[in-house]
Amino acid sequence: MKKIANLEEFNEIIKGEKPVLVDFFAEWCGPCKMQTPILEALEKEITEIDFCKLNVDELEQVAINYGISAIPALFLFKNGEVVAKIIGLNGKEELKNKLEKHI
């Protein structure tokens, strides 16, 4: 899963041809650490979506711009627009079902 390094990269990634799931996370967040292996497994199964991670401590302004107040927060972007928000820890099948509605 690609880690987004800066604002310019974020803006470029969310406007890609494929939908992009951005995992807003923090290193200190326990539920975020639990969500990561689930996302890595789904990344192998759902090839129609690109999966990325964004550290809210490193790119705080992006998190503020999108109103992130709880993590993990998963935002699905299509053509630069948010089409789905999934807040909190989700199991694999639950998350897969939510994402497949937007493919």
Protein backbone atom coordinates (compact mmCIF):
# COMPACT_ATOMS: atom_id res chain seq x y z
CA MET A 1 0.00 0.00 0.00
CA LYS A 2 1.47 3.33 -1.08
CA LYS A 3 2.11 5.93 1.61
CA ILE A 4 1.32 9.48 0.52
CA ALA A 5 4.30 11.72 1.25
CA ASN A 6 3.04 15.26 0.60
CA LEU A 7 0.10 17.43 -0.42
CA GLU A 8 1.05 17.53 -4.10
CA GLU A 9 1.20 13.74 -4.26
CA PHE A 10 -2.16 13.49 -2.47
CA ASN A 11 -3.81 15.86 -4.95
CA GLU A 12 -2.38 13.91 -7.89
CA ILE A 13 -3.37 10.49 -6.51
CA ILE A 14 -7.01 11.32 -5.76
CA LYS A 15 -7.54 12.54 -9.33
CA GLY A 16 -6.32 9.30 -10.91
CA GLU A 17 -8.28 7.22 -13.38
CA LYS A 18 -9.07 4.52 -10.83
CA PRO A 19 -10.99 5.10 -7.59
CA VAL A 20 -8.59 5.58 -4.66
CA LEU A 21 -9.13 4.54 -1.05
CA VAL A 22 -7.13 6.75 1.30
CA ASP A 23 -6.54 5.38 4.79
CA PHE A 24 -6.12 8.35 7.15
CA PHE A 25 -4.09 6.91 10.03
CA ALA A 26 -1.53 7.64 12.75
CA GLU A 27 1.37 5.51 13.96
CA TRP A 28 0.13 5.67 17.57
CA CYS A 29 -3.43 4.55 16.70
CA GLY A 30 -4.20 0.96 17.79
CA PRO A 31 -7.30 0.50 15.60
CA CYS A 32 -5.31 1.90 12.64
CA LYS A 33 -2.70 -0.82 13.14
CA MET A 34 -5.47 -3.42 13.19
CA GLN A 35 -7.02 -2.00 10.00
CA THR A 36 -3.77 -2.14 8.00
CA PRO A 37 -3.59 -5.94 7.41
CA ILE A 38 -7.27 -5.95 6.43
CA LEU A 39 -6.62 -3.23 3.85
CA GLU A 40 -3.52 -5.03 2.57
CA ALA A 41 -5.58 -8.19 2.04
CA LEU A 42 -8.35 -6.27 0.26
CA GLU A 43 -5.80 -4.52 -1.94
CA LYS A 44 -4.97 -7.94 -3.44
CA GLU A 45 -8.65 -8.78 -3.97
CA ILE A 46 -10.10 -5.49 -5.21
CA THR A 47 -7.89 -4.47 -8.11
CA GLU A 48 -10.36 -1.84 -9.37
CA ILE A 49 -9.34 0.44 -6.47
CA ASP A 50 -5.93 1.88 -5.59
CA PHE A 51 -5.13 1.77 -1.86
CA CYS A 52 -3.05 4.47 -0.13
CA LYS A 53 -2.18 5.56 3.40
CA LEU A 54 -1.92 9.11 4.71
CA ASN A 55 -0.38 9.84 8.12
CA VAL A 56 -2.52 12.55 9.74
CA ASP A 57 0.38 13.66 11.93
CA GLU A 58 2.64 14.24 8.91
CA LEU A 59 -0.02 15.79 6.63
CA GLU A 60 -2.20 17.43 9.25
CA GLN A 61 -3.57 20.08 6.87
CA VAL A 62 -5.07 17.44 4.57
CA ALA A 63 -6.80 15.80 7.55
CA ILE A 64 -8.13 19.19 8.66
CA ASN A 65 -9.33 20.01 5.13
CA TYR A 66 -11.37 16.78 5.04
CA GLY A 67 -12.71 17.14 8.59
CA ILE A 68 -11.00 14.04 9.93
CA SER A 69 -11.85 13.88 13.63
CA ALA A 70 -11.55 10.12 14.22
CA ILE A 71 -9.19 7.52 12.81
CA PRO A 72 -8.95 5.18 11.08
CA ALA A 73 -10.92 7.08 8.46
CA LEU A 74 -11.18 5.61 4.99
CA PHE A 75 -12.20 7.98 2.20
CA LEU A 76 -12.91 6.68 -1.28
CA PHE A 77 -12.18 9.20 -4.03
CA LYS A 78 -13.34 9.14 -7.65
CA ASN A 79 -12.08 11.87 -9.97
CA GLY A 80 -10.94 13.93 -6.97
CA GLU A 81 -14.31 13.77 -5.18
CA VAL A 82 -15.15 11.87 -1.98
CA VAL A 83 -17.76 9.23 -2.80
CA ALA A 84 -17.64 7.27 0.47
CA LYS A 85 -16.47 7.76 4.05
CA ILE A 86 -15.89 4.82 6.36
CA ILE A 87 -14.96 5.80 9.91
CA GLY A 88 -13.54 3.42 12.51
CA LEU A 89 -12.22 -0.12 12.39
CA ASN A 90 -14.04 -2.39 9.93
CA GLY A 91 -13.79 -6.12 9.37
CA LYS A 92 -12.68 -7.46 6.01
CA GLU A 93 -16.04 -8.63 4.65
CA GLU A 94 -17.89 -5.55 5.91
CA LEU A 95 -15.31 -3.26 4.33
CA LYS A 96 -15.26 -5.24 1.09
CA ASN A 97 -19.04 -4.96 0.77
CA LYS A 98 -18.94 -1.20 1.37
CA LEU A 99 -16.19 -0.67 -1.21
CA GLU A 100 -17.69 -2.88 -3.91
CA LYS A 101 -20.81 -0.69 -3.97
CA HIS A 102 -18.67 2.07 -5.47
CA ILE A 103 -16.78 0.16 -8.14
